């Protein structure tokens, strides 16, 4: 059934993919944006707001809306220059989220889907001991703490008002348009740079952009999603070595991987002040999506290799322009 849906962050990496998925499913989408990109799908309506904080007025954008999908956030920052990073994250990720939720309740919105983060669960897992959706949260940084506080506030509001809250915690998201470390990895592989990651025996859960968008749209529609928390991944966990090998294959390049032991890599990275990066490359972070599959009947529509090909083709098209 078609719904009128307000989507925040509709021009972002995740939000733009969610918007396309919703429009393709026949929903009416109101894209809540501070700046309207020229590439915005003309099928979407636009609600313009000036600033995302605890005072943002949402009433005009919420008129007739049945579901809100909240994708906008202050995202994880590697080298944060804020004097008080937690306060900065709270202004956007907690105060702005709960302000939107309270106004949604007043407008008669039935459901709010909140895109949170796996950082609410923690920073890593022992291999073969994945996080589950209902594990006790253990955030370790200001970003993860702010997301947990937003989740807690939304659940409290749901208990008080009857608003249906659905929480989705993605792992690392990749796909066309990806930036940061994943983009750097594709550049290294494309240029044939030898990399010291040929002997990493870890496991990482990833989620393709298309798979995440599909699940978020499902959470807006499915009756069983109400007041649940879901973890999302591609359903196949990879070592860093396997990830690089399969992405190189998608790029049509050989993977020049040197078999440097992971323990040595971590020691060297720590000595160079890159401990967090070494943890992401050598450590494990796995999630169990059994609840997501069983409760929603959801299966990731894209395989890892299909999703890698999409990311690789997008990268190559932009690089060869």
C-alpha atoms as a PDB file:
ATOM      1  CA  UNK A   1       0.000   0.000   0.000  1.00  0.00           C
ATOM      2  CA  UNK A   2       1.356   3.396  -1.005  1.00  0.00           C
ATOM      3  CA  UNK A   3       2.233   5.723   1.866  1.00  0.00           C
ATOM      4  CA  UNK A   4       3.130   9.366   2.222  1.00  0.00           C
ATOM      5  CA  UNK A   5       6.627   9.233   3.773  1.00  0.00           C
ATOM      6  CA  UNK A   6       8.845  12.020   5.083  1.00  0.00           C
ATOM      7  CA  UNK A   7      12.513  11.135   4.555  1.00  0.00           C
ATOM      8  CA  UNK A   8      15.289  13.150   6.177  1.00  0.00           C
ATOM      9  CA  UNK A   9      18.804  13.069   4.780  1.00  0.00           C
ATOM     10  CA  UNK A  10      17.398  12.346   1.332  1.00  0.00           C
ATOM     11  CA  UNK A  11      20.455  13.727  -0.472  1.00  0.00           C
ATOM     12  CA  UNK A  12      22.960  11.685   1.555  1.00  0.00           C
ATOM     13  CA  UNK A  13      24.716   8.463   0.598  1.00  0.00           C
ATOM     14  CA  UNK A  14      22.160   6.271   2.375  1.00  0.00           C
ATOM     15  CA  UNK A  15      19.164   8.597   2.196  1.00  0.00           C
ATOM     16  CA  UNK A  16      19.318   9.008  -1.579  1.00  0.00           C
ATOM     17  CA  UNK A  17      19.281   5.228  -2.062  1.00  0.00           C
ATOM     18  CA  UNK A  18      16.362   4.857   0.361  1.00  0.00           C
ATOM     19  CA  UNK A  19      14.444   7.544  -1.532  1.00  0.00           C
ATOM     20  CA  UNK A  20      14.913   5.765  -4.868  1.00  0.00           C
ATOM     21  CA  UNK A  21      13.773   2.485  -3.337  1.00  0.00           C
ATOM     22  CA  UNK A  22      10.657   4.085  -1.829  1.00  0.00           C
ATOM     23  CA  UNK A  23       9.741   5.872  -5.059  1.00  0.00           C
ATOM     24  CA  UNK A  24      10.225   2.687  -7.068  1.00  0.00           C
ATOM     25  CA  UNK A  25       7.838   0.930  -4.670  1.00  0.00           C
ATOM     26  CA  UNK A  26       5.184   3.553  -5.392  1.00  0.00           C
ATOM     27  CA  UNK A  27       5.360   5.620  -2.208  1.00  0.00           C
ATOM     28  CA  UNK A  28       4.950   9.394  -2.073  1.00  0.00           C
ATOM     29  CA  UNK A  29       8.210  10.766  -0.696  1.00  0.00           C
ATOM     30  CA  UNK A  30       8.746  14.157   0.898  1.00  0.00           C
ATOM     31  CA  UNK A  31      12.495  14.768   0.844  1.00  0.00           C
ATOM     32  CA  UNK A  32      13.461  16.873   3.879  1.00  0.00           C
ATOM     33  CA  UNK A  33      16.563  18.836   2.840  1.00  0.00           C
ATOM     34  CA  UNK A  34      18.617  21.862   3.766  1.00  0.00           C
ATOM     35  CA  UNK A  35      19.947  22.153   0.210  1.00  0.00           C
ATOM     36  CA  UNK A  36      18.209  20.688  -2.827  1.00  0.00           C
ATOM     37  CA  UNK A  37      20.600  18.931  -5.240  1.00  0.00           C
ATOM     38  CA  UNK A  38      20.099  19.309  -8.980  1.00  0.00           C
ATOM     39  CA  UNK A  39      19.994  15.531  -9.270  1.00  0.00           C
ATOM     40  CA  UNK A  40      16.984  15.116  -6.961  1.00  0.00           C
ATOM     41  CA  UNK A  41      14.425  12.728  -8.430  1.00  0.00           C
ATOM     42  CA  UNK A  42      11.537  14.846  -9.762  1.00  0.00           C
ATOM     43  CA  UNK A  43       9.037  12.330  -8.371  1.00  0.00           C
ATOM     44  CA  UNK A  44       9.859  13.500  -4.840  1.00  0.00           C
ATOM     45  CA  UNK A  45       8.347  16.490  -3.088  1.00  0.00           C
ATOM     46  CA  UNK A  46      10.684  18.776  -1.160  1.00  0.00           C
ATOM     47  CA  UNK A  47      10.423  20.092   2.376  1.00  0.00           C
ATOM     48  CA  UNK A  48      13.134  22.653   3.065  1.00  0.00           C
ATOM     49  CA  UNK A  49      14.493  23.266   6.561  1.00  0.00           C
ATOM     50  CA  UNK A  50      17.250  25.630   7.625  1.00  0.00           C
ATOM     51  CA  UNK A  51      18.955  23.774  10.454  1.00  0.00           C
ATOM     52  CA  UNK A  52      18.759  20.292  11.965  1.00  0.00           C
ATOM     53  CA  UNK A  53      18.575  20.646  15.736  1.00  0.00           C
ATOM     54  CA  UNK A  54      16.188  20.472  18.667  1.00  0.00           C
ATOM     55  CA  UNK A  55      14.232  23.499  17.420  1.00  0.00           C
ATOM     56  CA  UNK A  56      13.604  22.580  13.784  1.00  0.00           C
ATOM     57  CA  UNK A  57       9.934  23.148  12.842  1.00  0.00           C
ATOM     58  CA  UNK A  58       8.570  20.103  11.020  1.00  0.00           C
ATOM     59  CA  UNK A  59       4.809  20.713  11.000  1.00  0.00           C
ATOM     60  CA  UNK A  60       4.492  21.685   7.336  1.00  0.00           C
ATOM     61  CA  UNK A  61       6.523  18.695   6.192  1.00  0.00           C
ATOM     62  CA  UNK A  62       4.552  16.243   8.323  1.00  0.00           C
ATOM     63  CA  UNK A  63       1.109  17.076   6.935  1.00  0.00           C
ATOM     64  CA  UNK A  64      -0.600  13.872   5.830  1.00  0.00           C
ATOM     65  CA  UNK A  65       2.500  11.780   6.534  1.00  0.00           C
ATOM     66  CA  UNK A  66       2.020   8.210   7.740  1.00  0.00           C
ATOM     67  CA  UNK A  67       5.682   7.244   8.196  1.00  0.00           C
ATOM     68  CA  UNK A  68       8.896   9.130   8.908  1.00  0.00           C
ATOM     69  CA  UNK A  69      12.301   7.699   7.968  1.00  0.00           C
ATOM     70  CA  UNK A  70      15.051   9.557   9.794  1.00  0.00           C
ATOM     71  CA  UNK A  71      18.353   9.196   7.964  1.00  0.00           C
ATOM     72  CA  UNK A  72      19.889  12.621   8.634  1.00  0.00           C
ATOM     73  CA  UNK A  73      22.601  12.626  11.302  1.00  0.00           C
ATOM     74  CA  UNK A  74      25.955  13.951  12.365  1.00  0.00           C
ATOM     75  CA  UNK A  75      28.011  11.015  11.196  1.00  0.00           C
ATOM     76  CA  UNK A  76      31.114   9.440  12.665  1.00  0.00           C
ATOM     77  CA  UNK A  77      34.123  11.752  12.240  1.00  0.00           C
ATOM     78  CA  UNK A  78      37.641  10.270  12.165  1.00  0.00           C
ATOM     79  CA  UNK A  79      39.505  13.388  13.341  1.00  0.00           C
ATOM     80  CA  UNK A  80      36.845  15.424  15.101  1.00  0.00           C
ATOM     81  CA  UNK A  81      37.830  19.047  15.709  1.00  0.00           C
ATOM     82  CA  UNK A  82      34.923  19.835  18.038  1.00  0.00           C
ATOM     83  CA  UNK A  83      35.961  20.907  21.541  1.00  0.00           C
ATOM     84  CA  UNK A  84      33.178  18.686  22.910  1.00  0.00           C
ATOM     85  CA  UNK A  85      32.384  15.983  20.317  1.00  0.00           C
ATOM     86  CA  UNK A  86      29.697  14.308  22.448  1.00  0.00           C
ATOM     87  CA  UNK A  87      27.780  17.578  22.810  1.00  0.00           C
ATOM     88  CA  UNK A  88      28.008  18.135  19.039  1.00  0.00           C
ATOM     89  CA  UNK A  89      26.695  14.640  18.326  1.00  0.00           C
ATOM     90  CA  UNK A  90      23.912  15.026  20.867  1.00  0.00           C
ATOM     91  CA  UNK A  91      22.641  18.275  19.315  1.00  0.00           C
ATOM     92  CA  UNK A  92      21.963  16.548  16.012  1.00  0.00           C
ATOM     93  CA  UNK A  93      21.623  12.854  16.753  1.00  0.00           C
ATOM     94  CA  UNK A  94      19.629  13.094  19.987  1.00  0.00           C
ATOM     95  CA  UNK A  95      17.966  16.510  20.311  1.00  0.00           C
ATOM     96  CA  UNK A  96      17.024  16.847  16.642  1.00  0.00           C
ATOM     97  CA  UNK A  97      15.800  13.241  16.449  1.00  0.00           C
ATOM     98  CA  UNK A  98      13.530  13.509  19.482  1.00  0.00           C
ATOM     99  CA  UNK A  99      12.248  16.919  18.369  1.00  0.00           C
ATOM    100  CA  UNK A 100      11.231  15.392  15.024  1.00  0.00           C
ATOM    101  CA  UNK A 101       9.654  12.398  16.758  1.00  0.00           C
ATOM    102  CA  UNK A 102       7.593  14.516  19.142  1.00  0.00           C
ATOM    103  CA  UNK A 103       6.276  16.650  16.289  1.00  0.00           C
ATOM    104  CA  UNK A 104       5.544  13.492  14.292  1.00  0.00           C
ATOM    105  CA  UNK A 105       3.375  12.218  17.150  1.00  0.00           C
ATOM    106  CA  UNK A 106       1.520  15.542  17.262  1.00  0.00           C
ATOM    107  CA  UNK A 107       0.915  15.328  13.504  1.00  0.00           C
ATOM    108  CA  UNK A 108      -0.562  11.841  13.738  1.00  0.00           C
ATOM    109  CA  UNK A 109       2.361   9.955  12.193  1.00  0.00           C
ATOM    110  CA  UNK A 110       2.040   6.240  12.831  1.00  0.00           C
ATOM    111  CA  UNK A 111       5.632   4.985  12.450  1.00  0.00           C
ATOM    112  CA  UNK A 112       9.191   6.320  12.643  1.00  0.00           C
ATOM    113  CA  UNK A 113      12.082   4.341  11.186  1.00  0.00           C
ATOM    114  CA  UNK A 114      15.385   5.430  12.723  1.00  0.00           C
ATOM    115  CA  UNK A 115      18.646   4.623  10.946  1.00  0.00           C
ATOM    116  CA  UNK A 116      21.045   4.114  13.818  1.00  0.00           C
ATOM    117  CA  UNK A 117      24.470   2.409  13.796  1.00  0.00           C
ATOM    118  CA  UNK A 118      26.137  -0.844  14.752  1.00  0.00           C
ATOM    119  CA  UNK A 119      28.351   1.324  16.964  1.00  0.00           C
ATOM    120  CA  UNK A 120      25.508   1.144  19.491  1.00  0.00           C
ATOM    121  CA  UNK A 121      26.433  -2.517  19.939  1.00  0.00           C
ATOM    122  CA  UNK A 122      30.148  -1.822  20.164  1.00  0.00           C
ATOM    123  CA  UNK A 123      33.355  -1.679  18.166  1.00  0.00           C
ATOM    124  CA  UNK A 124      34.117  -5.316  17.483  1.00  0.00           C
ATOM    125  CA  UNK A 125      33.369  -8.965  18.124  1.00  0.00           C
ATOM    126  CA  UNK A 126      35.276 -12.136  18.775  1.00  0.00           C
ATOM    127  CA  UNK A 127      35.348 -14.169  15.555  1.00  0.00           C
ATOM    128  CA  UNK A 128      32.250 -16.356  15.200  1.00  0.00           C
ATOM    129  CA  UNK A 129      30.490 -14.507  18.063  1.00  0.00           C
ATOM    130  CA  UNK A 130      28.404 -11.936  16.185  1.00  0.00           C
ATOM    131  CA  UNK A 131      26.313  -9.165  17.657  1.00  0.00           C
ATOM    132  CA  UNK A 132      22.574  -9.846  17.898  1.00  0.00           C
ATOM    133  CA  UNK A 133      19.840  -7.220  17.654  1.00  0.00           C
ATOM    134  CA  UNK A 134      18.790  -7.544  21.266  1.00  0.00           C
ATOM    135  CA  UNK A 135      22.263  -7.617  22.843  1.00  0.00           C
ATOM    136  CA  UNK A 136      22.985  -5.098  25.584  1.00  0.00           C
ATOM    137  CA  UNK A 137      24.354  -1.909  23.974  1.00  0.00           C
ATOM    138  CA  UNK A 138      28.017  -1.079  24.575  1.00  0.00           C
ATOM    139  CA  UNK A 139      28.912   2.042  22.562  1.00  0.00           C
ATOM    140  CA  UNK A 140      32.515   3.190  22.893  1.00  0.00           C
ATOM    141  CA  UNK A 141      32.676   6.604  21.226  1.00  0.00           C
ATOM    142  CA  UNK A 142      30.608   9.832  21.211  1.00  0.00           C
ATOM    143  CA  UNK A 143      28.896   8.930  17.952  1.00  0.00           C
ATOM    144  CA  UNK A 144      27.776   5.517  19.220  1.00  0.00           C
ATOM    145  CA  UNK A 145      26.703   6.990  22.560  1.00  0.00           C
ATOM    146  CA  UNK A 146      24.578   9.631  20.818  1.00  0.00           C
ATOM    147  CA  UNK A 147      22.877   7.003  18.680  1.00  0.00           C
ATOM    148  CA  UNK A 148      22.085   4.874  21.732  1.00  0.00           C
ATOM    149  CA  UNK A 149      20.644   7.874  23.556  1.00  0.00           C
ATOM    150  CA  UNK A 150      18.457   8.655  20.540  1.00  0.00           C
ATOM    151  CA  UNK A 151      17.246   5.042  20.459  1.00  0.00           C
ATOM    152  CA  UNK A 152      16.428   5.152  24.183  1.00  0.00           C
ATOM    153  CA  UNK A 153      14.526   8.416  23.798  1.00  0.00           C
ATOM    154  CA  UNK A 154      12.525   7.075  20.879  1.00  0.00           C
ATOM    155  CA  UNK A 155      11.576   3.908  22.754  1.00  0.00           C
ATOM    156  CA  UNK A 156      10.428   5.978  25.724  1.00  0.00           C
ATOM    157  CA  UNK A 157       8.323   8.167  23.441  1.00  0.00           C
ATOM    158  CA  UNK A 158       6.858   5.069  21.790  1.00  0.00           C
ATOM    159  CA  UNK A 159       5.829   3.675  25.178  1.00  0.00           C
ATOM    160  CA  UNK A 160       4.192   6.965  26.137  1.00  0.00           C
ATOM    161  CA  UNK A 161       2.403   7.751  22.874  1.00  0.00           C
ATOM    162  CA  UNK A 162       1.892   4.599  20.796  1.00  0.00           C
ATOM    163  CA  UNK A 163       4.215   5.776  18.016  1.00  0.00           C
ATOM    164  CA  UNK A 164       5.673   2.728  16.285  1.00  0.00           C
ATOM    165  CA  UNK A 165       9.456   2.991  16.352  1.00  0.00           C
ATOM    166  CA  UNK A 166      11.679   0.810  14.178  1.00  0.00           C
ATOM    167  CA  UNK A 167      15.447   0.924  14.669  1.00  0.00           C
ATOM    168  CA  UNK A 168      17.888  -0.237  12.005  1.00  0.00           C
ATOM    169  CA  UNK A 169      21.589  -0.589  12.867  1.00  0.00           C
ATOM    170  CA  UNK A 170      23.736  -0.915   9.728  1.00  0.00           C
ATOM    171  CA  UNK A 171      27.318  -2.117   9.631  1.00  0.00           C
ATOM    172  CA  UNK A 172      29.774  -0.534   7.160  1.00  0.00           C
ATOM    173  CA  UNK A 173      27.780   0.536   4.090  1.00  0.00           C
ATOM    174  CA  UNK A 174      29.337   0.410   0.623  1.00  0.00           C
ATOM    175  CA  UNK A 175      28.084   0.887  -2.896  1.00  0.00           C
ATOM    176  CA  UNK A 176      28.015   3.401  -5.755  1.00  0.00           C
ATOM    177  CA  UNK A 177      29.224   6.759  -4.452  1.00  0.00           C
ATOM    178  CA  UNK A 178      30.975   5.335  -1.393  1.00  0.00           C
ATOM    179  CA  UNK A 179      33.737   7.479   0.069  1.00  0.00           C
ATOM    180  CA  UNK A 180      36.336   7.313   2.864  1.00  0.00           C
ATOM    181  CA  UNK A 181      38.269   4.087   3.471  1.00  0.00           C
ATOM    182  CA  UNK A 182      36.281   1.928   1.040  1.00  0.00           C
ATOM    183  CA  UNK A 183      36.936   4.359  -1.812  1.00  0.00           C
ATOM    184  CA  UNK A 184      40.631   4.489  -0.890  1.00  0.00           C
ATOM    185  CA  UNK A 185      40.716   0.697  -0.980  1.00  0.00           C
ATOM    186  CA  UNK A 186      39.292   0.642  -4.511  1.00  0.00           C
ATOM    187  CA  UNK A 187      41.865   3.214  -5.627  1.00  0.00           C
ATOM    188  CA  UNK A 188      44.733   1.129  -4.231  1.00  0.00           C
ATOM    189  CA  UNK A 189      43.457  -2.000  -5.962  1.00  0.00           C
ATOM    190  CA  UNK A 190      42.794  -0.202  -9.229  1.00  0.00           C
ATOM    191  CA  UNK A 191      46.342   1.192  -9.293  1.00  0.00           C
ATOM    192  CA  UNK A 192      47.868  -2.183  -8.448  1.00  0.00           C
ATOM    193  CA  UNK A 193      49.430  -0.953  -5.211  1.00  0.00           C
ATOM    194  CA  UNK A 194      50.907  -3.855  -3.207  1.00  0.00           C
ATOM    195  CA  UNK A 195      49.047  -4.104   0.087  1.00  0.00           C
ATOM    196  CA  UNK A 196      50.186  -5.941   3.251  1.00  0.00           C
ATOM    197  CA  UNK A 197      46.823  -7.600   3.832  1.00  0.00           C
ATOM    198  CA  UNK A 198      47.259 -11.063   2.376  1.00  0.00           C
ATOM    199  CA  UNK A 199      47.080 -12.991   5.660  1.00  0.00           C
ATOM    200  CA  UNK A 200      44.269 -11.375   7.675  1.00  0.00           C
ATOM    201  CA  UNK A 201      42.090 -14.022   9.315  1.00  0.00           C
ATOM    202  CA  UNK A 202      39.258 -11.844  10.612  1.00  0.00           C
ATOM    203  CA  UNK A 203      35.563 -11.582   9.747  1.00  0.00           C
ATOM    204  CA  UNK A 204      33.689  -8.374   8.906  1.00  0.00           C
ATOM    205  CA  UNK A 205      30.002  -7.913   8.151  1.00  0.00           C
ATOM    206  CA  UNK A 206      29.264  -5.350   5.442  1.00  0.00           C
ATOM    207  CA  UNK A 207      26.033  -4.142   3.889  1.00  0.00           C
ATOM    208  CA  UNK A 208      25.514  -3.082   0.296  1.00  0.00           C
ATOM    209  CA  UNK A 209      23.741   0.228  -0.172  1.00  0.00           C
ATOM    210  CA  UNK A 210      20.966  -1.469  -2.130  1.00  0.00           C
ATOM    211  CA  UNK A 211      20.439  -4.068   0.576  1.00  0.00           C
ATOM    212  CA  UNK A 212      20.216  -1.443   3.298  1.00  0.00           C
ATOM    213  CA  UNK A 213      17.759   0.667   1.291  1.00  0.00           C
ATOM    214  CA  UNK A 214      15.598  -2.394   0.653  1.00  0.00           C
ATOM    215  CA  UNK A 215      15.470  -3.241   4.353  1.00  0.00           C
ATOM    216  CA  UNK A 216      14.654   0.330   5.396  1.00  0.00           C
ATOM    217  CA  UNK A 217      11.773   0.405   2.912  1.00  0.00           C
ATOM    218  CA  UNK A 218      10.598  -2.971   4.227  1.00  0.00           C
ATOM    219  CA  UNK A 219      10.668  -1.587   7.782  1.00  0.00           C
ATOM    220  CA  UNK A 220       8.405   1.262   6.669  1.00  0.00           C
ATOM    221  CA  UNK A 221       5.880  -1.216   5.287  1.00  0.00           C
ATOM    222  CA  UNK A 222       5.944  -4.437   7.313  1.00  0.00           C
ATOM    223  CA  UNK A 223       3.496  -4.743  10.242  1.00  0.00           C
ATOM    224  CA  UNK A 224       5.891  -6.981  12.205  1.00  0.00           C
ATOM    225  CA  UNK A 225       8.611  -4.308  12.190  1.00  0.00           C
ATOM    226  CA  UNK A 226       6.799  -2.151  14.754  1.00  0.00           C
ATOM    227  CA  UNK A 227       8.863  -1.454  17.897  1.00  0.00           C
ATOM    228  CA  UNK A 228      11.716  -3.732  16.843  1.00  0.00           C
ATOM    229  CA  UNK A 229      15.457  -3.327  16.425  1.00  0.00           C
ATOM    230  CA  UNK A 230      17.135  -4.893  13.404  1.00  0.00           C
ATOM    231  CA  UNK A 231      20.725  -5.482  12.407  1.00  0.00           C
ATOM    232  CA  UNK A 232      21.474  -5.562   8.691  1.00  0.00           C
ATOM    233  CA  UNK A 233      24.251  -7.001   6.557  1.00  0.00           C
ATOM    234  CA  UNK A 234      24.753  -8.816   3.266  1.00  0.00           C
ATOM    235  CA  UNK A 235      24.530 -12.140   5.079  1.00  0.00           C
ATOM    236  CA  UNK A 236      28.100 -13.127   4.143  1.00  0.00           C
ATOM    237  CA  UNK A 237      31.040 -12.134   6.332  1.00  0.00           C
ATOM    238  CA  UNK A 238      34.470 -11.629   4.778  1.00  0.00           C
ATOM    239  CA  UNK A 239      38.038 -11.425   5.960  1.00  0.00           C
ATOM    240  CA  UNK A 240      39.893  -8.291   4.920  1.00  0.00           C
ATOM    241  CA  UNK A 241      41.964 -10.491   2.614  1.00  0.00           C
ATOM    242  CA  UNK A 242      38.882 -11.986   0.918  1.00  0.00           C
ATOM    243  CA  UNK A 243      37.253  -8.564   0.656  1.00  0.00           C
ATOM    244  CA  UNK A 244      40.260  -7.154  -1.194  1.00  0.00           C
ATOM    245  CA  UNK A 245      40.506 -10.204  -3.462  1.00  0.00           C
ATOM    246  CA  UNK A 246      36.855 -10.059  -4.449  1.00  0.00           C
ATOM    247  CA  UNK A 247      36.794  -6.299  -4.935  1.00  0.00           C
ATOM    248  CA  UNK A 248      39.900  -6.559  -7.113  1.00  0.00           C
ATOM    249  CA  UNK A 249      38.072  -9.169  -9.187  1.00  0.00           C
ATOM    250  CA  UNK A 250      35.095  -6.805  -9.545  1.00  0.00           C
ATOM    251  CA  UNK A 251      37.494  -4.095 -10.742  1.00  0.00           C
ATOM    252  CA  UNK A 252      39.136  -6.517 -13.186  1.00  0.00           C
ATOM    253  CA  UNK A 253      42.482  -6.107 -11.455  1.00  0.00           C
ATOM    254  CA  UNK A 254      44.873  -8.531  -9.750  1.00  0.00           C
ATOM    255  CA  UNK A 255      44.991  -8.262  -5.969  1.00  0.00           C
ATOM    256  CA  UNK A 256      48.625  -7.664  -5.040  1.00  0.00           C
ATOM    257  CA  UNK A 257      48.454  -8.753  -1.404  1.00  0.00           C
ATOM    258  CA  UNK A 258      51.521  -9.424   0.713  1.00  0.00           C
ATOM    259  CA  UNK A 259      51.082 -12.072   3.455  1.00  0.00           C
ATOM    260  CA  UNK A 260      52.105  -9.915   6.428  1.00  0.00           C
ATOM    261  CA  UNK A 261      50.801 -11.419   9.719  1.00  0.00           C
ATOM    262  CA  UNK A 262      47.906  -9.488  11.235  1.00  0.00           C
ATOM    263  CA  UNK A 263      49.617  -9.282  14.637  1.00  0.00           C
ATOM    264  CA  UNK A 264      52.608  -7.541  13.067  1.00  0.00           C
ATOM    265  CA  UNK A 265      50.344  -5.139  11.173  1.00  0.00           C
ATOM    266  CA  UNK A 266      48.515  -4.198  14.350  1.00  0.00           C
ATOM    267  CA  UNK A 267      51.801  -3.620  16.203  1.00  0.00           C
ATOM    268  CA  UNK A 268      53.130  -1.395  13.410  1.00  0.00           C
ATOM    269  CA  UNK A 269      49.882   0.567  13.125  1.00  0.00           C
ATOM    270  CA  UNK A 270      49.771   1.165  16.874  1.00  0.00           C
ATOM    271  CA  UNK A 271      53.359   2.410  16.798  1.00  0.00           C
ATOM    272  CA  UNK A 272      52.369   4.855  14.040  1.00  0.00           C
ATOM    273  CA  UNK A 273      49.295   6.095  15.910  1.00  0.00           C
ATOM    274  CA  UNK A 274      46.871   4.249  13.608  1.00  0.00           C
ATOM    275  CA  UNK A 275      45.459   1.771  16.109  1.00  0.00           C
ATOM    276  CA  UNK A 276      41.811   2.460  15.177  1.00  0.00           C
ATOM    277  CA  UNK A 277      42.525   1.857  11.485  1.00  0.00           C
ATOM    278  CA  UNK A 278      44.369  -1.377  12.230  1.00  0.00           C
ATOM    279  CA  UNK A 279      41.426  -2.562  14.313  1.00  0.00           C
ATOM    280  CA  UNK A 280      39.070  -2.069  11.360  1.00  0.00           C
ATOM    281  CA  UNK A 281      41.430  -3.848   8.978  1.00  0.00           C
ATOM    282  CA  UNK A 282      42.518  -6.706  11.248  1.00  0.00           C
ATOM    283  CA  UNK A 283      39.744  -7.042  13.832  1.00  0.00           C
ATOM    284  CA  UNK A 284      36.363  -8.736  13.498  1.00  0.00           C
ATOM    285  CA  UNK A 285      32.890  -7.226  13.587  1.00  0.00           C
ATOM    286  CA  UNK A 286      30.080  -9.607  12.721  1.00  0.00           C
ATOM    287  CA  UNK A 287      26.323  -9.314  13.053  1.00  0.00           C
ATOM    288  CA  UNK A 288      23.604 -11.957  13.181  1.00  0.00           C
ATOM    289  CA  UNK A 289      20.691 -10.991  10.916  1.00  0.00           C
ATOM    290  CA  UNK A 290      18.610 -14.021  11.849  1.00  0.00           C
ATOM    291  CA  UNK A 291      15.951 -11.874  13.522  1.00  0.00           C
ATOM    292  CA  UNK A 292      15.759  -9.605  10.474  1.00  0.00           C
ATOM    293  CA  UNK A 293      15.306 -12.594   8.188  1.00  0.00           C
ATOM    294  CA  UNK A 294      12.770 -14.464  10.311  1.00  0.00           C
ATOM    295  CA  UNK A 295      10.561 -11.631  11.571  1.00  0.00           C
ATOM    296  CA  UNK A 296      10.364  -9.746   8.279  1.00  0.00           C
ATOM    297  CA  UNK A 297      10.902 -12.627   5.853  1.00  0.00           C
ATOM    298  CA  UNK A 298      13.712 -10.472   4.454  1.00  0.00           C
ATOM    299  CA  UNK A 299      16.594 -11.672   2.293  1.00  0.00           C
ATOM    300  CA  UNK A 300      19.325  -9.349   0.991  1.00  0.00           C
ATOM    301  CA  UNK A 301      18.414  -8.816  -2.679  1.00  0.00           C
ATOM    302  CA  UNK A 302      22.066  -8.336  -3.708  1.00  0.00           C
ATOM    303  CA  UNK A 303      24.872 -10.827  -3.201  1.00  0.00           C
ATOM    304  CA  UNK A 304      28.283  -9.534  -2.139  1.00  0.00           C
ATOM    305  CA  UNK A 305      29.745 -10.062  -5.607  1.00  0.00           C
ATOM    306  CA  UNK A 306      26.807  -8.346  -7.322  1.00  0.00           C
ATOM    307  CA  UNK A 307      27.150  -5.380  -4.969  1.00  0.00           C
ATOM    308  CA  UNK A 308      30.934  -5.209  -5.455  1.00  0.00           C
ATOM    309  CA  UNK A 309      30.390  -5.064  -9.222  1.00  0.00           C
ATOM    310  CA  UNK A 310      27.982  -2.138  -8.851  1.00  0.00           C
ATOM    311  CA  UNK A 311      30.465  -0.233  -6.672  1.00  0.00           C
ATOM    312  CA  UNK A 312      33.356  -1.045  -9.024  1.00  0.00           C
ATOM    313  CA  UNK A 313      31.493   0.053 -12.164  1.00  0.00           C
ATOM    314  CA  UNK A 314      30.449   3.318 -10.538  1.00  0.00           C
ATOM    315  CA  UNK A 315      34.035   3.978  -9.432  1.00  0.00           C
ATOM    316  CA  UNK A 316      35.414   3.225 -12.903  1.00  0.00           C
ATOM    317  CA  UNK A 317      32.824   5.388 -14.668  1.00  0.00           C
ATOM    318  CA  UNK A 318      33.673   8.352 -12.456  1.00  0.00           C
ATOM    319  CA  UNK A 319      37.424   7.758 -12.675  1.00  0.00           C
ATOM    320  CA  UNK A 320      37.411   7.523 -16.482  1.00  0.00           C
ATOM    321  CA  UNK A 321      35.400  10.686 -17.092  1.00  0.00           C
END
